[in-house]
Amino acid sequence: MPLSKELLEILACPVCDEHPPLREESENVLVCDQCHRRYPIREGIIELLVEDESEQPAQGAGG
């Protein structure tokens, strides 16, 4: 089930300094258009935790 518009309006990338909004890439993934980091949705729970800096996309990497 897609996320509600109201929820998407308040979700933001926790990594980027400007905290840009996230967009729904698919039913199970949110993505930040600024840093291209992807956040999975598992069993209805959005995983916004950032565990390791090595997971960060390379500079200039397209998504």
N, C-alpha and C. Protein backbone atom coordinates (compact mmCIF):
# COMPACT_ATOMS: atom_id res chain seq x y z
N MET A 1 0.84 -1.17 0.00
CA MET A 1 0.00 0.00 0.00
C MET A 1 0.89 1.24 0.00
N PRO A 2 0.64 2.19 -0.90
CA PRO A 2 1.44 3.42 -0.93
C PRO A 2 1.28 4.23 0.36
N LEU A 3 2.32 4.99 0.68
CA LEU A 3 2.27 5.85 1.87
C LEU A 3 1.35 7.03 1.61
N SER A 4 0.77 7.55 2.67
CA SER A 4 -0.13 8.69 2.53
C SER A 4 0.67 9.95 2.17
N LYS A 5 0.01 10.86 1.49
CA LYS A 5 0.63 12.12 1.10
C LYS A 5 1.07 12.89 2.35
N GLU A 6 0.27 12.83 3.40
CA GLU A 6 0.59 13.54 4.64
C GLU A 6 1.88 13.02 5.27
N LEU A 7 2.07 11.70 5.25
CA LEU A 7 3.28 11.12 5.82
C LEU A 7 4.49 11.49 4.98
N LEU A 8 4.38 11.41 3.66
CA LEU A 8 5.50 11.76 2.79
C LEU A 8 5.90 13.23 2.95
N GLU A 9 4.95 14.09 3.30
CA GLU A 9 5.27 15.51 3.49
C GLU A 9 6.14 15.76 4.72
N ILE A 10 6.10 14.87 5.71
CA ILE A 10 6.89 15.09 6.92
C ILE A 10 8.16 14.25 6.99
N LEU A 11 8.27 13.22 6.15
CA LEU A 11 9.49 12.40 6.14
C LEU A 11 10.61 13.16 5.44
N ALA A 12 11.81 13.11 6.01
CA ALA A 12 12.96 13.79 5.43
C ALA A 12 14.20 12.94 5.60
N CYS A 13 15.17 13.16 4.73
CA CYS A 13 16.42 12.42 4.79
C CYS A 13 17.17 12.80 6.07
N PRO A 14 17.50 11.83 6.91
CA PRO A 14 18.21 12.13 8.16
C PRO A 14 19.70 12.40 7.96
N VAL A 15 20.22 12.14 6.77
CA VAL A 15 21.65 12.29 6.51
C VAL A 15 22.00 13.67 5.96
N CYS A 16 21.19 14.17 5.05
CA CYS A 16 21.47 15.45 4.41
C CYS A 16 21.24 16.61 5.37
N ASP A 17 22.12 17.60 5.34
CA ASP A 17 22.01 18.75 6.23
C ASP A 17 20.70 19.52 6.03
N GLU A 18 20.22 19.59 4.79
CA GLU A 18 19.00 20.35 4.50
C GLU A 18 17.74 19.54 4.79
N HIS A 19 17.89 18.25 5.10
CA HIS A 19 16.77 17.35 5.36
C HIS A 19 15.71 17.41 4.25
N PRO A 20 16.12 17.11 3.01
CA PRO A 20 15.15 17.15 1.91
C PRO A 20 14.10 16.06 2.08
N PRO A 21 12.93 16.27 1.48
CA PRO A 21 11.88 15.26 1.58
C PRO A 21 12.28 13.99 0.85
N LEU A 22 11.70 12.89 1.29
CA LEU A 22 11.91 11.61 0.62
C LEU A 22 10.76 11.37 -0.34
N ARG A 23 11.04 10.65 -1.40
CA ARG A 23 9.97 10.28 -2.32
C ARG A 23 9.86 8.77 -2.38
N GLU A 24 8.69 8.31 -2.71
CA GLU A 24 8.43 6.88 -2.78
C GLU A 24 8.89 6.38 -4.14
N GLU A 25 9.98 5.61 -4.15
CA GLU A 25 10.51 5.06 -5.39
C GLU A 25 9.70 3.85 -5.83
N SER A 26 9.33 3.04 -4.85
CA SER A 26 8.48 1.88 -5.09
C SER A 26 7.70 1.64 -3.81
N GLU A 27 6.90 0.60 -3.79
CA GLU A 27 6.09 0.33 -2.60
C GLU A 27 6.95 0.02 -1.38
N ASN A 28 8.20 -0.43 -1.60
CA ASN A 28 9.04 -0.85 -0.49
C ASN A 28 10.31 -0.02 -0.31
N VAL A 29 10.41 1.12 -0.99
CA VAL A 29 11.64 1.92 -0.92
C VAL A 29 11.32 3.41 -1.00
N LEU A 30 11.94 4.18 -0.08
CA LEU A 30 11.93 5.64 -0.17
C LEU A 30 13.33 6.06 -0.58
N VAL A 31 13.45 7.17 -1.30
CA VAL A 31 14.76 7.62 -1.76
C VAL A 31 14.88 9.13 -1.57
N CYS A 32 16.11 9.55 -1.27
CA CYS A 32 16.44 10.97 -1.19
C CYS A 32 17.03 11.38 -2.53
N ASP A 33 16.44 12.37 -3.18
CA ASP A 33 16.94 12.81 -4.48
C ASP A 33 18.25 13.59 -4.37
N GLN A 34 18.60 14.03 -3.18
CA GLN A 34 19.83 14.79 -3.00
C GLN A 34 21.05 13.88 -2.86
N CYS A 35 21.00 12.92 -1.94
CA CYS A 35 22.17 12.05 -1.71
C CYS A 35 21.99 10.67 -2.34
N HIS A 36 20.80 10.39 -2.86
CA HIS A 36 20.47 9.12 -3.52
C HIS A 36 20.46 7.93 -2.57
N ARG A 37 20.41 8.21 -1.28
CA ARG A 37 20.32 7.13 -0.30
C ARG A 37 18.92 6.55 -0.34
N ARG A 38 18.85 5.24 -0.23
CA ARG A 38 17.57 4.53 -0.27
C ARG A 38 17.24 3.99 1.11
N TYR A 39 15.97 4.11 1.48
CA TYR A 39 15.49 3.65 2.78
C TYR A 39 14.40 2.60 2.56
N PRO A 40 14.65 1.37 2.98
CA PRO A 40 13.66 0.30 2.76
C PRO A 40 12.46 0.43 3.70
N ILE A 41 11.36 -0.12 3.25
CA ILE A 41 10.16 -0.25 4.07
C ILE A 41 9.94 -1.74 4.23
N ARG A 42 10.09 -2.24 5.45
CA ARG A 42 9.94 -3.67 5.71
C ARG A 42 8.81 -3.90 6.70
N GLU A 43 7.87 -4.70 6.30
CA GLU A 43 6.71 -5.02 7.14
C GLU A 43 6.02 -3.75 7.63
N GLY A 44 5.94 -2.75 6.74
CA GLY A 44 5.26 -1.50 7.07
C GLY A 44 6.07 -0.53 7.89
N ILE A 45 7.34 -0.83 8.16
CA ILE A 45 8.20 0.04 8.98
C ILE A 45 9.27 0.66 8.09
N ILE A 46 9.35 2.00 8.11
CA ILE A 46 10.35 2.71 7.32
C ILE A 46 11.65 2.71 8.11
N GLU A 47 12.72 2.21 7.50
CA GLU A 47 14.01 2.11 8.17
C GLU A 47 14.88 3.31 7.79
N LEU A 48 14.89 4.32 8.67
CA LEU A 48 15.67 5.53 8.43
C LEU A 48 16.99 5.53 9.18
N LEU A 49 17.35 4.42 9.77
CA LEU A 49 18.61 4.33 10.51
C LEU A 49 19.78 4.28 9.54
N VAL A 50 20.84 4.99 9.88
CA VAL A 50 22.06 4.98 9.09
C VAL A 50 23.12 4.32 9.96
N GLU A 51 23.50 3.10 9.61
CA GLU A 51 24.40 2.33 10.45
C GLU A 51 25.87 2.53 10.12
N ASP A 52 26.18 2.71 8.83
CA ASP A 52 27.57 2.70 8.41
C ASP A 52 27.76 3.71 7.29
N GLU A 53 28.77 4.56 7.42
CA GLU A 53 29.05 5.55 6.38
C GLU A 53 29.46 4.90 5.07
N SER A 54 29.92 3.65 5.10
CA SER A 54 30.30 2.97 3.85
C SER A 54 29.09 2.68 2.99
N GLU A 55 27.88 2.77 3.56
CA GLU A 55 26.66 2.57 2.79
C GLU A 55 26.32 3.79 1.95
N GLN A 56 26.97 4.92 2.24
CA GLN A 56 26.67 6.16 1.54
C GLN A 56 27.11 6.04 0.09
N PRO A 57 26.26 6.47 -0.86
CA PRO A 57 26.64 6.42 -2.27
C PRO A 57 27.86 7.29 -2.54
N ALA A 58 28.62 6.92 -3.54
CA ALA A 58 29.80 7.68 -3.92
C ALA A 58 29.39 9.04 -4.46
N GLN A 59 30.26 10.04 -4.30
CA GLN A 59 29.99 11.37 -4.83
C GLN A 59 29.74 11.27 -6.33
N GLY A 60 28.69 11.92 -6.80
CA GLY A 60 28.39 11.93 -8.23
C GLY A 60 27.71 10.68 -8.73
N ALA A 61 27.43 9.73 -7.86
CA ALA A 61 26.77 8.50 -8.30
C ALA A 61 25.32 8.78 -8.60
N GLY A 62 24.86 8.30 -9.72
CA GLY A 62 23.45 8.45 -10.09
C GLY A 62 22.66 7.33 -9.52
N GLY A 63 21.33 7.55 -9.42
CA GLY A 63 20.61 6.57 -8.71
C GLY A 63 19.61 5.80 -9.39
